[in-house]
Amino acid sequence: MAEQRYTSEHEWVRMDGDIATVGISQYAQEQLGDVVYVELPETGRKVAPGDDMAVVESVKAASEVYAPVGGVIVEVNAALADAPEKINQDAEGAAWLVRLSGVDGAAVAALMDGDAYRAYLEGLD
């Protein structure tokens, strides 16, 4: 399995061939608390790094999810519409948000690896 990379906004991205799977980190879902709603984008939409891509709402707050890299949204995790709580159960696995095509592999490689992200989180305390 490809290594996940992370942003300072707590999104993760994992490449599988030429498709990038994107979601929010375990840390992000812990900060949000119980997720009650997920607003996913339309497929076919082109996003640039930093673009608003989705919204995750919890009992505490609504949080924008930003595109960690640019690409075209080719798939959304429709299962989250009926079961947004899956984000609390498996944020960095089955509860991915979108899949992107046309992603620059160098842009993914430039994101934080797991060790760097953990060090970043320690700096937030």
Protein backbone atom coordinates (compact mmCIF):
# COMPACT_ATOMS: atom_id res chain seq x y z
CA MET A 1 0.00 0.00 0.00
CA ALA A 2 1.25 3.48 -0.83
CA GLU A 3 2.33 5.77 1.96
CA GLN A 4 -0.12 8.43 3.09
CA ARG A 5 1.02 12.04 2.99
CA TYR A 6 -0.46 14.83 5.10
CA THR A 7 -1.14 18.58 4.97
CA SER A 8 -0.98 21.10 7.81
CA GLU A 9 -4.77 21.40 7.43
CA HIS A 10 -5.06 17.70 8.39
CA GLU A 11 -5.99 16.18 5.05
CA TRP A 12 -4.30 13.00 3.90
CA VAL A 13 -3.63 11.75 0.40
CA ARG A 14 -2.56 8.31 -0.80
CA MET A 15 -1.63 7.47 -4.37
CA ASP A 16 -2.80 4.23 -5.96
CA GLY A 17 -1.41 4.19 -9.47
CA ASP A 18 -2.48 7.49 -10.97
CA ILE A 19 -5.46 7.98 -8.64
CA ALA A 20 -5.14 9.93 -5.38
CA THR A 21 -7.48 9.07 -2.51
CA VAL A 22 -8.09 11.96 -0.08
CA GLY A 23 -9.61 12.17 3.40
CA ILE A 24 -9.19 13.84 6.77
CA SER A 25 -6.71 12.66 9.37
CA GLN A 26 -7.40 10.78 12.55
CA TYR A 27 -6.37 13.94 14.43
CA ALA A 28 -8.90 16.05 12.48
CA GLN A 29 -11.81 13.72 13.24
CA GLU A 30 -10.82 13.66 16.93
CA GLN A 31 -10.89 17.47 16.99
CA LEU A 32 -14.29 17.55 15.28
CA GLY A 33 -15.97 15.03 17.54
CA ASP A 34 -19.03 13.11 16.39
CA VAL A 35 -19.45 13.67 12.64
CA VAL A 36 -23.10 14.10 11.66
CA TYR A 37 -22.98 15.26 8.03
CA VAL A 38 -20.61 15.24 5.07
CA GLU A 39 -21.05 17.44 2.00
CA LEU A 40 -19.17 15.95 -0.93
CA PRO A 41 -18.37 17.67 -4.24
CA GLU A 42 -19.60 16.72 -7.69
CA THR A 43 -17.51 14.33 -9.74
CA GLY A 44 -15.83 15.90 -12.75
CA ARG A 45 -14.94 19.06 -10.84
CA LYS A 46 -11.35 20.25 -11.20
CA VAL A 47 -9.66 21.38 -8.00
CA ALA A 48 -6.38 23.18 -7.35
CA PRO A 49 -4.30 22.75 -4.20
CA GLY A 50 -6.04 24.58 -1.34
CA ASP A 51 -9.48 24.72 -2.99
CA ASP A 52 -12.52 24.01 -0.83
CA MET A 53 -13.45 20.46 -1.71
CA ALA A 54 -15.90 19.16 0.91
CA VAL A 55 -17.45 20.01 4.27
CA VAL A 56 -17.47 17.77 7.33
CA GLU A 57 -19.95 18.76 10.04
CA SER A 58 -19.89 17.53 13.60
CA VAL A 59 -21.90 18.30 16.70
CA LYS A 60 -19.18 20.89 17.51
CA ALA A 61 -18.38 22.57 14.19
CA ALA A 62 -18.41 22.52 10.42
CA SER A 63 -15.00 22.25 8.81
CA GLU A 64 -13.93 22.83 5.23
CA VAL A 65 -11.81 20.13 3.63
CA TYR A 66 -9.25 21.50 1.22
CA ALA A 67 -7.71 19.80 -1.79
CA PRO A 68 -4.19 18.75 -0.75
CA VAL A 69 -3.19 18.53 -4.42
CA GLY A 70 -4.76 19.49 -7.72
CA GLY A 71 -6.71 17.12 -9.91
CA VAL A 72 -10.14 16.13 -11.18
CA ILE A 73 -12.64 14.53 -8.81
CA VAL A 74 -13.43 11.14 -10.33
CA GLU A 75 -15.20 9.50 -7.37
CA VAL A 76 -16.77 10.47 -4.05
CA ASN A 77 -17.40 8.17 -1.11
CA ALA A 78 -21.21 8.11 -1.37
CA ALA A 79 -21.44 5.77 1.64
CA LEU A 80 -20.66 8.77 3.86
CA ALA A 81 -23.93 10.47 2.91
CA ASP A 82 -25.88 7.80 4.79
CA ALA A 83 -23.25 7.06 7.44
CA PRO A 84 -21.09 10.14 8.14
CA GLU A 85 -20.05 8.58 11.47
CA LYS A 86 -17.75 6.29 9.47
CA ILE A 87 -15.28 9.18 9.55
CA ASN A 88 -15.05 8.77 13.33
CA GLN A 89 -14.54 5.03 12.93
CA ASP A 90 -11.96 4.89 10.12
CA ALA A 91 -10.89 8.40 9.05
CA GLU A 92 -7.72 7.25 7.33
CA GLY A 93 -9.17 4.16 5.69
CA ALA A 94 -12.71 3.33 4.57
CA ALA A 95 -13.96 6.88 5.25
CA TRP A 96 -12.00 8.53 2.44
CA LEU A 97 -13.79 11.50 0.89
CA VAL A 98 -12.78 11.79 -2.78
CA ARG A 99 -10.56 10.27 -5.43
CA LEU A 100 -8.67 12.50 -7.85
CA SER A 101 -7.10 11.86 -11.24
CA GLY A 102 -4.51 13.95 -13.03
CA VAL A 103 -2.53 14.45 -9.82
CA ASP A 104 1.11 15.57 -9.87
CA GLY A 105 3.05 12.86 -8.03
CA ALA A 106 5.75 15.38 -7.08
CA ALA A 107 3.11 17.52 -5.33
CA VAL A 108 2.05 14.48 -3.29
CA ALA A 109 5.66 13.63 -2.45
CA ALA A 110 6.19 17.21 -1.22
CA LEU A 111 3.54 16.76 1.52
CA MET A 112 4.46 15.58 5.03
CA ASP A 113 5.07 11.88 5.55
CA GLY A 114 3.66 10.16 8.65
CA ASP A 115 6.68 10.95 10.84
CA ALA A 116 6.73 14.62 9.84
CA TYR A 117 2.97 14.89 10.43
CA ARG A 118 3.27 13.36 13.91
CA ALA A 119 6.06 15.84 14.70
CA TYR A 120 3.83 18.66 13.38
CA LEU A 121 0.99 17.52 15.67
CA GLU A 122 3.32 17.45 18.67
CA GLY A 123 4.15 21.08 17.92
CA LEU A 124 0.46 21.99 18.16
CA ASP A 125 0.17 20.92 21.80
